[in-house]
C-alpha atoms as a PDB file:
ATOM      1  CA  MET A   1      94.365 132.063  84.758  1.00  0.00           C
ATOM      2  CA  THR A   2      92.357 133.785  87.414  1.00  0.00           C
ATOM      3  CA  LYS A   3      89.492 132.103  89.216  1.00  0.00           C
ATOM      4  CA  GLN A   4      87.003 134.617  87.842  1.00  0.00           C
ATOM      5  CA  ARG A   5      88.067 133.973  84.258  1.00  0.00           C
ATOM      6  CA  PHE A   6      87.965 130.213  84.815  1.00  0.00           C
ATOM      7  CA  LYS A   7      84.420 130.443  86.189  1.00  0.00           C
ATOM      8  CA  ILE A   8      83.292 132.484  83.207  1.00  0.00           C
ATOM      9  CA  GLN A   9      84.807 129.978  80.775  1.00  0.00           C
ATOM     10  CA  LEU A  10      83.199 127.097  82.651  1.00  0.00           C
ATOM     11  CA  ILE A  11      79.789 128.774  82.537  1.00  0.00           C
ATOM     12  CA  VAL A  12      80.143 129.490  78.816  1.00  0.00           C
ATOM     13  CA  CYS A  13      81.100 125.849  78.166  1.00  0.00           C
ATOM     14  CA  PHE A  14      78.066 124.602  80.084  1.00  0.00           C
ATOM     15  CA  ILE A  15      75.775 126.988  78.216  1.00  0.00           C
ATOM     16  CA  ILE A  16      77.150 125.813  74.865  1.00  0.00           C
ATOM     17  CA  LEU A  17      76.864 122.140  75.831  1.00  0.00           C
ATOM     18  CA  PHE A  18      73.372 122.613  77.234  1.00  0.00           C
ATOM     19  CA  SER A  19      72.156 124.435  74.130  1.00  0.00           C
ATOM     20  CA  PHE A  20      73.736 121.787  71.879  1.00  0.00           C
ATOM     21  CA  PHE A  21      72.197 118.843  73.700  1.00  0.00           C
ATOM     22  CA  ASN A  22      68.928 120.656  74.296  1.00  0.00           C
ATOM     23  CA  SER A  23      68.445 121.102  70.540  1.00  0.00           C
ATOM     24  CA  PHE A  24      67.965 117.333  70.182  1.00  0.00           C
ATOM     25  CA  PHE A  25      64.736 117.531  72.155  1.00  0.00           C
ATOM     26  CA  LEU A  26      63.227 119.827  69.529  1.00  0.00           C
ATOM     27  CA  VAL A  27      63.028 116.919  67.097  1.00  0.00           C
ATOM     28  CA  PHE A  28      60.086 114.648  67.763  1.00  0.00           C
ATOM     29  CA  ALA A  29      59.906 111.106  66.463  1.00  0.00           C
ATOM     30  CA  GLN A  30      56.584 110.821  64.743  1.00  0.00           C
ATOM     31  CA  ALA A  31      55.277 107.872  62.782  1.00  0.00           C
ATOM     32  CA  THR A  32      53.803 108.769  59.438  1.00  0.00           C
ATOM     33  CA  ASN A  33      52.618 106.763  56.507  1.00  0.00           C
ATOM     34  CA  ASP A  34      54.277 109.188  54.097  1.00  0.00           C
ATOM     35  CA  LEU A  35      57.474 107.130  54.046  1.00  0.00           C
ATOM     36  CA  PRO A  36      58.256 105.090  50.941  1.00  0.00           C
ATOM     37  CA  THR A  37      56.983 101.524  51.106  1.00  0.00           C
ATOM     38  CA  ASP A  38      60.511 100.091  51.085  1.00  0.00           C
ATOM     39  CA  ILE A  39      61.402 101.968  54.260  1.00  0.00           C
ATOM     40  CA  MET A  40      58.090 101.037  55.888  1.00  0.00           C
ATOM     41  CA  PHE A  41      58.743  97.370  55.001  1.00  0.00           C
ATOM     42  CA  ARG A  42      62.180  97.493  56.634  1.00  0.00           C
ATOM     43  CA  LEU A  43      60.861  99.292  59.718  1.00  0.00           C
ATOM     44  CA  ARG A  44      58.091  96.720  60.048  1.00  0.00           C
ATOM     45  CA  ASN A  45      60.683  93.926  59.849  1.00  0.00           C
ATOM     46  CA  VAL A  46      62.718  95.576  62.589  1.00  0.00           C
ATOM     47  CA  ALA A  47      59.623  95.881  64.775  1.00  0.00           C
ATOM     48  CA  THR A  48      58.737  92.213  64.311  1.00  0.00           C
ATOM     49  CA  GLY A  49      62.249  91.071  65.175  1.00  0.00           C
ATOM     50  CA  ASP A  50      63.394  89.969  61.713  1.00  0.00           C
ATOM     51  CA  PRO A  51      67.215  89.755  62.021  1.00  0.00           C
ATOM     52  CA  GLY A  52      67.731  90.748  58.396  1.00  0.00           C
ATOM     53  CA  ALA A  53      65.401  93.742  58.744  1.00  0.00           C
ATOM     54  CA  GLY A  54      64.635  93.413  55.054  1.00  0.00           C
ATOM     55  CA  PHE A  55      68.217  93.892  53.945  1.00  0.00           C
ATOM     56  CA  LYS A  56      70.206  91.518  51.803  1.00  0.00           C
ATOM     57  CA  GLU A  57      72.404  89.222  53.891  1.00  0.00           C
ATOM     58  CA  VAL A  58      76.135  89.852  53.777  1.00  0.00           C
ATOM     59  CA  ALA A  59      76.897  86.178  53.150  1.00  0.00           C
ATOM     60  CA  THR A  60      75.036  86.210  49.815  1.00  0.00           C
ATOM     61  CA  GLY A  61      77.256  88.972  48.380  1.00  0.00           C
ATOM     62  CA  ASP A  62      79.857  88.178  45.772  1.00  0.00           C
ATOM     63  CA  LEU A  63      83.591  88.781  45.977  1.00  0.00           C
ATOM     64  CA  THR A  64      83.443  92.308  44.545  1.00  0.00           C
ATOM     65  CA  GLU A  65      80.940  93.429  47.203  1.00  0.00           C
ATOM     66  CA  THR A  66      83.067  91.900  49.950  1.00  0.00           C
ATOM     67  CA  ILE A  67      86.203  93.653  48.700  1.00  0.00           C
ATOM     68  CA  GLY A  68      84.262  96.915  48.373  1.00  0.00           C
ATOM     69  CA  ASN A  69      83.016  96.595  51.962  1.00  0.00           C
ATOM     70  CA  ILE A  70      86.555  95.908  53.201  1.00  0.00           C
ATOM     71  CA  ILE A  71      87.842  98.994  51.363  1.00  0.00           C
ATOM     72  CA  LYS A  72      85.062 101.110  52.908  1.00  0.00           C
ATOM     73  CA  ILE A  73      85.929  99.842  56.389  1.00  0.00           C
ATOM     74  CA  VAL A  74      89.653 100.552  55.891  1.00  0.00           C
ATOM     75  CA  LEU A  75      88.945 104.050  54.550  1.00  0.00           C
ATOM     76  CA  THR A  76      86.635 104.755  57.473  1.00  0.00           C
ATOM     77  CA  PHE A  77      89.318 103.624  59.905  1.00  0.00           C
ATOM     78  CA  LEU A  78      91.947 105.787  58.174  1.00  0.00           C
ATOM     79  CA  GLY A  79      89.594 108.772  58.291  1.00  0.00           C
ATOM     80  CA  ILE A  80      89.192 108.278  62.038  1.00  0.00           C
ATOM     81  CA  VAL A  81      92.979 108.048  62.459  1.00  0.00           C
ATOM     82  CA  PHE A  82      93.380 111.263  60.443  1.00  0.00           C
ATOM     83  CA  LEU A  83      90.801 113.051  62.590  1.00  0.00           C
ATOM     84  CA  ILE A  84      92.498 111.902  65.805  1.00  0.00           C
ATOM     85  CA  LEU A  85      95.921 113.033  64.548  1.00  0.00           C
ATOM     86  CA  VAL A  86      94.616 116.475  63.578  1.00  0.00           C
ATOM     87  CA  ILE A  87      92.837 116.908  66.914  1.00  0.00           C
ATOM     88  CA  TYR A  88      95.960 115.787  68.790  1.00  0.00           C
ATOM     89  CA  GLY A  89      98.133 118.160  66.739  1.00  0.00           C
ATOM     90  CA  GLY A  90      95.719 120.993  67.453  1.00  0.00           C
ATOM     91  CA  TYR A  91      95.763 120.153  71.157  1.00  0.00           C
ATOM     92  CA  ILE A  92      99.569 120.213  71.220  1.00  0.00           C
ATOM     93  CA  TRP A  93      99.563 123.528  69.383  1.00  0.00           C
ATOM     94  CA  MET A  94      96.998 125.119  71.701  1.00  0.00           C
ATOM     95  CA  THR A  95      98.816 123.967  74.832  1.00  0.00           C
ATOM     96  CA  ALA A  96     102.266 124.995  73.584  1.00  0.00           C
ATOM     97  CA  HIS A  97     102.080 128.350  75.421  1.00  0.00           C
ATOM     98  CA  GLY A  98     104.487 129.911  72.937  1.00  0.00           C
ATOM     99  CA  ASN A  99     107.023 127.048  73.086  1.00  0.00           C
ATOM    100  CA  GLU A 100     108.369 127.037  69.516  1.00  0.00           C
ATOM    101  CA  GLU A 101     109.479 123.395  69.744  1.00  0.00           C
ATOM    102  CA  ARG A 102     105.958 122.194  70.557  1.00  0.00           C
ATOM    103  CA  VAL A 103     104.387 124.474  67.943  1.00  0.00           C
ATOM    104  CA  THR A 104     106.746 123.048  65.318  1.00  0.00           C
ATOM    105  CA  LYS A 105     105.942 119.507  66.454  1.00  0.00           C
ATOM    106  CA  ALA A 106     102.216 120.215  66.171  1.00  0.00           C
ATOM    107  CA  LYS A 107     102.557 121.811  62.723  1.00  0.00           C
ATOM    108  CA  ASP A 108     104.607 118.845  61.512  1.00  0.00           C
ATOM    109  CA  LEU A 109     102.053 116.376  62.880  1.00  0.00           C
ATOM    110  CA  ILE A 110      99.139 118.130  61.182  1.00  0.00           C
ATOM    111  CA  THR A 111     101.103 118.472  57.930  1.00  0.00           C
ATOM    112  CA  GLU A 112     102.031 114.772  57.943  1.00  0.00           C
ATOM    113  CA  ALA A 113      98.425 113.804  58.640  1.00  0.00           C
ATOM    114  CA  LEU A 114      97.238 115.931  55.703  1.00  0.00           C
ATOM    115  CA  ILE A 115      99.886 114.423  53.408  1.00  0.00           C
ATOM    116  CA  GLY A 116      98.743 110.948  54.464  1.00  0.00           C
ATOM    117  CA  LEU A 117      95.132 111.880  53.746  1.00  0.00           C
ATOM    118  CA  VAL A 118      96.049 113.195  50.287  1.00  0.00           C
ATOM    119  CA  ILE A 119      97.956 109.969  49.516  1.00  0.00           C
ATOM    120  CA  ILE A 120      95.034 107.804  50.674  1.00  0.00           C
ATOM    121  CA  LEU A 121      92.466 109.822  48.702  1.00  0.00           C
ATOM    122  CA  GLY A 122      94.739 109.794  45.646  1.00  0.00           C
ATOM    123  CA  ALA A 123      95.054 106.016  45.834  1.00  0.00           C
ATOM    124  CA  TYR A 124      91.293 105.682  46.177  1.00  0.00           C
ATOM    125  CA  ILE A 125      90.644 107.975  43.198  1.00  0.00           C
ATOM    126  CA  ILE A 126      93.139 106.113  41.013  1.00  0.00           C
ATOM    127  CA  THR A 127      91.648 102.747  42.013  1.00  0.00           C
ATOM    128  CA  TYR A 128      88.115 103.990  41.377  1.00  0.00           C
ATOM    129  CA  PHE A 129      89.105 105.315  37.951  1.00  0.00           C
ATOM    130  CA  VAL A 130      90.914 102.106  36.940  1.00  0.00           C
ATOM    131  CA  VAL A 131      88.081  99.830  38.097  1.00  0.00           C
ATOM    132  CA  ASN A 132      85.465 101.929  36.289  1.00  0.00           C
ATOM    133  CA  ALA A 133      87.589 101.947  33.131  1.00  0.00           C
ATOM    134  CA  LEU A 134      87.948  98.153  33.301  1.00  0.00           C
ATOM    135  CA  ILE A 135      84.218  97.678  33.850  1.00  0.00           C
ATOM    136  CA  THR A 136      83.407  99.994  30.950  1.00  0.00           C
ATOM    137  CA  GLN A 137      85.910  98.367  28.549  1.00  0.00           C
ATOM    138  CA  THR A 138      85.002  94.768  29.394  1.00  0.00           C
ATOM    139  CA  GLY A 139      81.264  95.377  29.422  1.00  0.00           C
ATOM    140  CA  TYR A 140      80.867  93.703  32.812  1.00  0.00           C
ATOM    141  CA  GLN A 141      77.218  93.296  33.825  1.00  0.00           C
ATOM    142  CA  GLU A 142      76.012  92.379  37.305  1.00  0.00           C
END
């Protein structure tokens, strides 16, 4: 890579980053009374230092809510792992410089990450369907 080309790429990267971060300054935080009362109540609690901020405490939840929260945390973590694997596979592919061994390694990594994601989403869909069917058939009421 020549120095001239490197400088051009560096300038383009800075322009993109500057325009991306500069767009955040176009949004102004303005207080209005048009918000629903529930949101205003919670914001007021945050401003006064209420630790609960108007939300239900986690300790008062039942077992089903706790299990649901754990499942959400695990799925979030697995989504992050998937994203990291795809980015890493893309990085390997882009830096392979025509090396077929590295390109194959990157393709395999991305393919395995996608297969893992499909398995995880399939398990979640099946679990969601079974739980909803059980709730519907048993007539469970909260």
